[in-house]
Amino acid sequence: MDVIHTALWVSDLDRTREFYCDGLGLAENWSFTTDDGVENVYIGGENAEFQFKYDPEGSPDIDPGTMAHVAVGVDSTDDTFERLLERADPPVQAEPETMSHIDCRVAFVEDPNGYVVELVERLNQ
């Protein structure tokens, strides 16, 4: 297992890019937009990234500056998800699903403190 990224909601994606890329010198590694229009931009180094989530519609349900989740790389999303349900019985945010546009299988659960943890299995490696 490996920590992959921490996802944060942001209110201004351009200023965020300037700060982290131009100011800190980190690289913008990749990005995608979800079906609901939320932009996801990954900035960081080789081993870990920040995932900055930006809703151009300014959804009132989203509090910029709030951590969305921490992503952990796993060998099998399904096996890890089942193991957590058996041992820790965490609240489930989203059951395992394949996200073909990013070639991953993911699930979301809460840790004992209420933080959301994304389980990420990279497919076709």
N, C-alpha and C. Protein backbone atom coordinates (compact mmCIF):
# COMPACT_ATOMS: atom_id res chain seq x y z
N MET A 1 0.84 -1.18 0.00
CA MET A 1 0.00 0.00 0.00
C MET A 1 0.88 1.24 0.00
N ASP A 2 0.29 2.32 -0.50
CA ASP A 2 1.02 3.56 -0.62
C ASP A 2 0.05 4.72 -0.56
N VAL A 3 0.45 5.82 0.06
CA VAL A 3 -0.36 7.03 0.01
C VAL A 3 -0.17 7.64 -1.37
N ILE A 4 -1.29 7.95 -2.05
CA ILE A 4 -1.24 8.46 -3.42
C ILE A 4 -1.46 9.97 -3.47
N HIS A 5 -2.58 10.42 -2.89
CA HIS A 5 -2.87 11.85 -2.92
C HIS A 5 -3.80 12.24 -1.80
N THR A 6 -3.86 13.54 -1.54
CA THR A 6 -4.84 14.15 -0.65
C THR A 6 -5.67 15.09 -1.50
N ALA A 7 -6.98 14.96 -1.43
CA ALA A 7 -7.88 15.77 -2.25
C ALA A 7 -8.45 16.92 -1.43
N LEU A 8 -8.36 18.11 -1.98
CA LEU A 8 -8.84 19.32 -1.32
C LEU A 8 -9.75 20.10 -2.25
N TRP A 9 -10.85 20.63 -1.71
CA TRP A 9 -11.71 21.52 -2.48
C TRP A 9 -11.07 22.89 -2.52
N VAL A 10 -11.10 23.55 -3.67
CA VAL A 10 -10.54 24.89 -3.81
C VAL A 10 -11.58 25.83 -4.42
N SER A 11 -11.46 27.12 -4.10
CA SER A 11 -12.41 28.11 -4.61
C SER A 11 -11.90 28.82 -5.86
N ASP A 12 -10.58 28.78 -6.10
CA ASP A 12 -9.98 29.45 -7.26
C ASP A 12 -8.88 28.56 -7.82
N LEU A 13 -9.19 27.85 -8.89
CA LEU A 13 -8.25 26.88 -9.44
C LEU A 13 -7.02 27.56 -10.05
N ASP A 14 -7.19 28.69 -10.70
CA ASP A 14 -6.05 29.39 -11.30
C ASP A 14 -5.05 29.86 -10.24
N ARG A 15 -5.54 30.46 -9.16
CA ARG A 15 -4.64 30.91 -8.09
C ARG A 15 -3.98 29.73 -7.41
N THR A 16 -4.71 28.61 -7.29
CA THR A 16 -4.13 27.41 -6.69
C THR A 16 -2.99 26.89 -7.55
N ARG A 17 -3.20 26.84 -8.87
CA ARG A 17 -2.13 26.42 -9.80
C ARG A 17 -0.91 27.34 -9.66
N GLU A 18 -1.14 28.65 -9.64
CA GLU A 18 -0.04 29.61 -9.53
C GLU A 18 0.76 29.37 -8.25
N PHE A 19 0.06 29.18 -7.13
CA PHE A 19 0.73 28.99 -5.86
C PHE A 19 1.58 27.73 -5.86
N TYR A 20 0.98 26.60 -6.22
CA TYR A 20 1.67 25.31 -6.12
C TYR A 20 2.68 25.07 -7.24
N CYS A 21 2.34 25.50 -8.45
CA CYS A 21 3.25 25.27 -9.59
C CYS A 21 4.29 26.38 -9.71
N ASP A 22 3.83 27.62 -9.87
CA ASP A 22 4.75 28.74 -10.07
C ASP A 22 5.48 29.09 -8.78
N GLY A 23 4.75 29.12 -7.66
CA GLY A 23 5.34 29.51 -6.38
C GLY A 23 6.20 28.43 -5.74
N LEU A 24 5.63 27.24 -5.60
CA LEU A 24 6.36 26.14 -4.94
C LEU A 24 7.22 25.33 -5.90
N GLY A 25 6.93 25.42 -7.19
CA GLY A 25 7.72 24.69 -8.17
C GLY A 25 7.29 23.24 -8.38
N LEU A 26 6.08 22.88 -7.91
CA LEU A 26 5.57 21.54 -8.15
C LEU A 26 5.03 21.46 -9.58
N ALA A 27 4.83 20.24 -10.06
CA ALA A 27 4.37 20.04 -11.44
C ALA A 27 2.89 19.68 -11.46
N GLU A 28 2.20 20.20 -12.48
CA GLU A 28 0.84 19.73 -12.74
C GLU A 28 0.98 18.45 -13.53
N ASN A 29 0.58 17.33 -12.93
CA ASN A 29 0.82 16.02 -13.52
C ASN A 29 -0.28 15.55 -14.46
N TRP A 30 -1.54 15.80 -14.11
CA TRP A 30 -2.63 15.39 -14.96
C TRP A 30 -3.93 15.98 -14.43
N SER A 31 -5.01 15.85 -15.21
CA SER A 31 -6.30 16.38 -14.77
C SER A 31 -7.42 15.68 -15.52
N PHE A 32 -8.62 15.82 -14.97
CA PHE A 32 -9.82 15.35 -15.65
C PHE A 32 -11.02 16.08 -15.06
N THR A 33 -12.13 16.06 -15.80
CA THR A 33 -13.38 16.66 -15.34
C THR A 33 -14.42 15.56 -15.24
N THR A 34 -15.11 15.52 -14.11
CA THR A 34 -16.14 14.50 -13.92
C THR A 34 -17.41 14.88 -14.67
N ASP A 35 -18.33 13.93 -14.77
CA ASP A 35 -19.58 14.15 -15.49
C ASP A 35 -20.38 15.31 -14.91
N ASP A 36 -20.22 15.58 -13.61
CA ASP A 36 -20.96 16.68 -12.99
C ASP A 36 -20.24 18.02 -13.11
N GLY A 37 -19.13 18.07 -13.88
CA GLY A 37 -18.44 19.31 -14.15
C GLY A 37 -17.34 19.69 -13.18
N VAL A 38 -17.09 18.86 -12.17
CA VAL A 38 -16.03 19.16 -11.21
C VAL A 38 -14.67 18.90 -11.85
N GLU A 39 -13.82 19.93 -11.82
CA GLU A 39 -12.47 19.80 -12.36
C GLU A 39 -11.56 19.22 -11.28
N ASN A 40 -10.72 18.27 -11.68
CA ASN A 40 -9.78 17.61 -10.78
C ASN A 40 -8.38 17.77 -11.35
N VAL A 41 -7.52 18.49 -10.63
CA VAL A 41 -6.17 18.77 -11.10
C VAL A 41 -5.19 18.18 -10.08
N TYR A 42 -4.24 17.38 -10.58
CA TYR A 42 -3.26 16.70 -9.73
C TYR A 42 -1.92 17.41 -9.85
N ILE A 43 -1.42 17.90 -8.71
CA ILE A 43 -0.16 18.64 -8.65
C ILE A 43 0.71 18.01 -7.59
N GLY A 44 1.98 17.78 -7.92
CA GLY A 44 2.87 17.22 -6.91
C GLY A 44 4.15 16.69 -7.49
N GLY A 45 4.67 15.67 -6.82
CA GLY A 45 5.91 15.06 -7.23
C GLY A 45 5.70 13.66 -7.75
N GLU A 46 6.72 12.84 -7.67
CA GLU A 46 6.66 11.48 -8.21
C GLU A 46 5.89 10.53 -7.32
N ASN A 47 5.94 10.71 -6.00
CA ASN A 47 5.37 9.73 -5.09
C ASN A 47 4.01 10.09 -4.52
N ALA A 48 3.69 11.36 -4.45
CA ALA A 48 2.40 11.77 -3.90
C ALA A 48 1.98 13.09 -4.54
N GLU A 49 0.67 13.32 -4.55
CA GLU A 49 0.13 14.50 -5.19
C GLU A 49 -0.97 15.12 -4.33
N PHE A 50 -1.29 16.36 -4.62
CA PHE A 50 -2.52 16.99 -4.17
C PHE A 50 -3.50 16.85 -5.32
N GLN A 51 -4.73 16.50 -5.00
CA GLN A 51 -5.81 16.53 -5.98
C GLN A 51 -6.65 17.74 -5.61
N PHE A 52 -6.65 18.75 -6.47
CA PHE A 52 -7.44 19.93 -6.22
C PHE A 52 -8.75 19.79 -6.98
N LYS A 53 -9.86 19.85 -6.24
CA LYS A 53 -11.19 19.69 -6.80
C LYS A 53 -11.83 21.07 -6.87
N TYR A 54 -12.33 21.43 -8.07
CA TYR A 54 -12.92 22.74 -8.27
C TYR A 54 -14.26 22.61 -8.98
N ASP A 55 -15.29 23.18 -8.38
CA ASP A 55 -16.61 23.19 -8.98
C ASP A 55 -16.87 24.58 -9.55
N PRO A 56 -16.81 24.75 -10.89
CA PRO A 56 -17.00 26.08 -11.47
C PRO A 56 -18.39 26.67 -11.20
N GLU A 57 -19.35 25.81 -10.84
CA GLU A 57 -20.69 26.29 -10.51
C GLU A 57 -20.76 26.81 -9.08
N GLY A 58 -19.70 26.57 -8.29
CA GLY A 58 -19.67 27.04 -6.91
C GLY A 58 -20.74 26.41 -6.05
N SER A 59 -20.85 25.11 -6.11
CA SER A 59 -21.87 24.38 -5.37
C SER A 59 -21.91 24.81 -3.90
N PRO A 60 -23.10 25.14 -3.37
CA PRO A 60 -23.19 25.57 -1.97
C PRO A 60 -22.89 24.45 -0.98
N ASP A 61 -22.90 23.19 -1.45
CA ASP A 61 -22.61 22.06 -0.57
C ASP A 61 -21.11 21.85 -0.38
N ILE A 62 -20.28 22.59 -1.11
CA ILE A 62 -18.84 22.41 -1.06
C ILE A 62 -18.20 23.57 -0.32
N ASP A 63 -17.42 23.25 0.68
CA ASP A 63 -16.72 24.26 1.46
C ASP A 63 -15.26 24.29 1.01
N PRO A 64 -14.85 25.28 0.17
CA PRO A 64 -13.45 25.34 -0.26
C PRO A 64 -12.50 25.32 0.92
N GLY A 65 -11.39 24.62 0.76
CA GLY A 65 -10.42 24.47 1.84
C GLY A 65 -10.66 23.23 2.66
N THR A 66 -11.72 22.50 2.37
CA THR A 66 -12.04 21.29 3.10
C THR A 66 -11.38 20.09 2.43
N MET A 67 -10.83 19.20 3.25
CA MET A 67 -10.26 17.99 2.69
C MET A 67 -11.40 17.12 2.17
N ALA A 68 -11.27 16.66 0.93
CA ALA A 68 -12.27 15.76 0.35
C ALA A 68 -11.98 14.31 0.74
N HIS A 69 -10.71 13.90 0.60
CA HIS A 69 -10.32 12.54 0.96
C HIS A 69 -8.81 12.36 0.87
N VAL A 70 -8.35 11.25 1.44
CA VAL A 70 -6.96 10.79 1.28
C VAL A 70 -7.04 9.52 0.46
N ALA A 71 -6.19 9.39 -0.58
CA ALA A 71 -6.20 8.21 -1.42
C ALA A 71 -5.05 7.28 -1.05
N VAL A 72 -5.37 6.00 -0.95
CA VAL A 72 -4.38 4.97 -0.63
C VAL A 72 -4.39 3.94 -1.74
N GLY A 73 -3.21 3.64 -2.29
CA GLY A 73 -3.10 2.63 -3.33
C GLY A 73 -3.16 1.24 -2.72
N VAL A 74 -3.98 0.37 -3.29
CA VAL A 74 -4.15 -0.99 -2.80
C VAL A 74 -4.00 -1.97 -3.96
N ASP A 75 -3.67 -3.22 -3.64
CA ASP A 75 -3.56 -4.25 -4.68
C ASP A 75 -4.92 -4.63 -5.23
N SER A 76 -5.93 -4.66 -4.36
CA SER A 76 -7.29 -5.02 -4.78
C SER A 76 -8.29 -4.17 -4.00
N THR A 77 -9.00 -3.31 -4.70
CA THR A 77 -10.01 -2.48 -4.05
C THR A 77 -11.07 -3.35 -3.40
N ASP A 78 -11.53 -4.38 -4.11
CA ASP A 78 -12.59 -5.23 -3.58
C ASP A 78 -12.16 -5.98 -2.32
N ASP A 79 -10.96 -6.58 -2.34
CA ASP A 79 -10.47 -7.33 -1.18
C ASP A 79 -10.27 -6.41 0.02
N THR A 80 -9.68 -5.24 -0.20
CA THR A 80 -9.44 -4.31 0.90
C THR A 80 -10.75 -3.79 1.46
N PHE A 81 -11.69 -3.47 0.59
CA PHE A 81 -13.01 -2.99 1.01
C PHE A 81 -13.69 -4.04 1.88
N GLU A 82 -13.69 -5.29 1.43
CA GLU A 82 -14.32 -6.37 2.21
C GLU A 82 -13.62 -6.59 3.55
N ARG A 83 -12.29 -6.53 3.55
CA ARG A 83 -11.53 -6.70 4.79
C ARG A 83 -11.88 -5.59 5.80
N LEU A 84 -11.99 -4.37 5.30
CA LEU A 84 -12.36 -3.26 6.20
C LEU A 84 -13.77 -3.45 6.74
N LEU A 85 -14.70 -3.90 5.91
CA LEU A 85 -16.06 -4.12 6.38
C LEU A 85 -16.12 -5.21 7.44
N GLU A 86 -15.31 -6.25 7.27
CA GLU A 86 -15.28 -7.35 8.24
C GLU A 86 -14.64 -6.96 9.57
N ARG A 87 -13.57 -6.19 9.52
CA ARG A 87 -12.78 -5.89 10.72
C ARG A 87 -13.14 -4.57 11.38
N ALA A 88 -13.37 -3.54 10.59
CA ALA A 88 -13.53 -2.21 11.16
C ALA A 88 -14.96 -1.67 11.03
N ASP A 89 -15.74 -2.25 10.12
CA ASP A 89 -17.12 -1.83 9.86
C ASP A 89 -17.22 -0.31 9.69
N PRO A 90 -16.45 0.26 8.74
CA PRO A 90 -16.49 1.71 8.57
C PRO A 90 -17.74 2.15 7.82
N PRO A 91 -18.18 3.38 8.03
CA PRO A 91 -19.25 3.91 7.19
C PRO A 91 -18.77 3.94 5.73
N VAL A 92 -19.61 3.49 4.83
CA VAL A 92 -19.26 3.42 3.41
C VAL A 92 -19.75 4.69 2.71
N GLN A 93 -18.84 5.38 2.01
CA GLN A 93 -19.19 6.54 1.22
C GLN A 93 -19.58 6.13 -0.20
N ALA A 94 -18.83 5.17 -0.78
CA ALA A 94 -19.13 4.67 -2.12
C ALA A 94 -18.54 3.27 -2.26
N GLU A 95 -19.35 2.33 -2.71
CA GLU A 95 -18.89 0.96 -2.91
C GLU A 95 -17.95 0.89 -4.11
N PRO A 96 -17.19 -0.22 -4.22
CA PRO A 96 -16.22 -0.33 -5.32
C PRO A 96 -16.86 -0.15 -6.69
N GLU A 97 -16.16 0.63 -7.52
CA GLU A 97 -16.58 0.83 -8.90
C GLU A 97 -15.35 1.07 -9.76
N THR A 98 -15.48 0.76 -11.04
CA THR A 98 -14.39 1.00 -11.98
C THR A 98 -14.60 2.36 -12.63
N MET A 99 -13.52 3.16 -12.61
CA MET A 99 -13.52 4.46 -13.28
C MET A 99 -12.62 4.31 -14.50
N SER A 100 -13.22 3.90 -15.62
CA SER A 100 -12.44 3.56 -16.81
C SER A 100 -11.67 4.75 -17.38
N HIS A 101 -12.18 5.98 -17.20
CA HIS A 101 -11.50 7.15 -17.76
C HIS A 101 -10.17 7.44 -17.07
N ILE A 102 -9.95 6.88 -15.87
CA ILE A 102 -8.65 7.03 -15.21
C ILE A 102 -8.01 5.67 -14.94
N ASP A 103 -8.60 4.61 -15.50
CA ASP A 103 -8.05 3.26 -15.43
C ASP A 103 -7.80 2.79 -13.99
N CYS A 104 -8.82 3.00 -13.13
CA CYS A 104 -8.71 2.62 -11.72
C CYS A 104 -10.02 2.01 -11.23
N ARG A 105 -9.91 1.23 -10.19
CA ARG A 105 -11.07 0.75 -9.45
C ARG A 105 -10.99 1.39 -8.08
N VAL A 106 -12.07 2.04 -7.63
CA VAL A 106 -12.03 2.81 -6.40
C VAL A 106 -13.23 2.49 -5.51
N ALA A 107 -13.06 2.80 -4.23
CA ALA A 107 -14.14 2.76 -3.24
C ALA A 107 -13.80 3.81 -2.19
N PHE A 108 -14.81 4.27 -1.45
CA PHE A 108 -14.60 5.29 -0.43
C PHE A 108 -15.22 4.83 0.89
N VAL A 109 -14.45 4.92 1.98
CA VAL A 109 -14.93 4.60 3.32
C VAL A 109 -14.47 5.71 4.27
N GLU A 110 -15.05 5.74 5.47
CA GLU A 110 -14.61 6.68 6.49
C GLU A 110 -13.73 5.97 7.50
N ASP A 111 -12.69 6.67 7.96
CA ASP A 111 -11.86 6.11 9.02
C ASP A 111 -12.54 6.39 10.36
N PRO A 112 -11.99 5.91 11.48
CA PRO A 112 -12.64 6.12 12.79
C PRO A 112 -12.81 7.58 13.19
N ASN A 113 -12.08 8.49 12.55
CA ASN A 113 -12.19 9.91 12.87
C ASN A 113 -13.13 10.67 11.95
N GLY A 114 -13.72 9.96 10.98
CA GLY A 114 -14.63 10.59 10.05
C GLY A 114 -13.98 11.08 8.77
N TYR A 115 -12.65 10.87 8.61
CA TYR A 115 -11.98 11.25 7.37
C TYR A 115 -12.30 10.22 6.29
N VAL A 116 -12.51 10.70 5.07
CA VAL A 116 -12.81 9.81 3.96
C VAL A 116 -11.51 9.29 3.37
N VAL A 117 -11.46 7.97 3.16
CA VAL A 117 -10.30 7.30 2.58
C VAL A 117 -10.74 6.66 1.26
N GLU A 118 -10.04 7.02 0.19
CA GLU A 118 -10.30 6.42 -1.12
C GLU A 118 -9.35 5.25 -1.31
N LEU A 119 -9.88 4.09 -1.65
CA LEU A 119 -9.08 2.92 -1.97
C LEU A 119 -8.91 2.90 -3.49
N VAL A 120 -7.66 2.90 -3.97
CA VAL A 120 -7.41 3.00 -5.40
C VAL A 120 -6.59 1.81 -5.88
N GLU A 121 -7.16 1.06 -6.80
CA GLU A 121 -6.45 -0.04 -7.46
C GLU A 121 -6.20 0.39 -8.91
N ARG A 122 -4.97 0.52 -9.26
CA ARG A 122 -4.64 0.90 -10.65
C ARG A 122 -4.78 -0.35 -11.52
N LEU A 123 -5.53 -0.23 -12.59
CA LEU A 123 -5.78 -1.34 -13.49
C LEU A 123 -4.78 -1.32 -14.65
N ASN A 124 -4.59 -2.46 -15.27
CA ASN A 124 -3.76 -2.58 -16.48
C ASN A 124 -2.37 -1.97 -16.34
N GLN A 125 -1.70 -2.31 -15.26
CA GLN A 125 -0.34 -1.79 -15.07
C GLN A 125 0.66 -2.70 -15.69
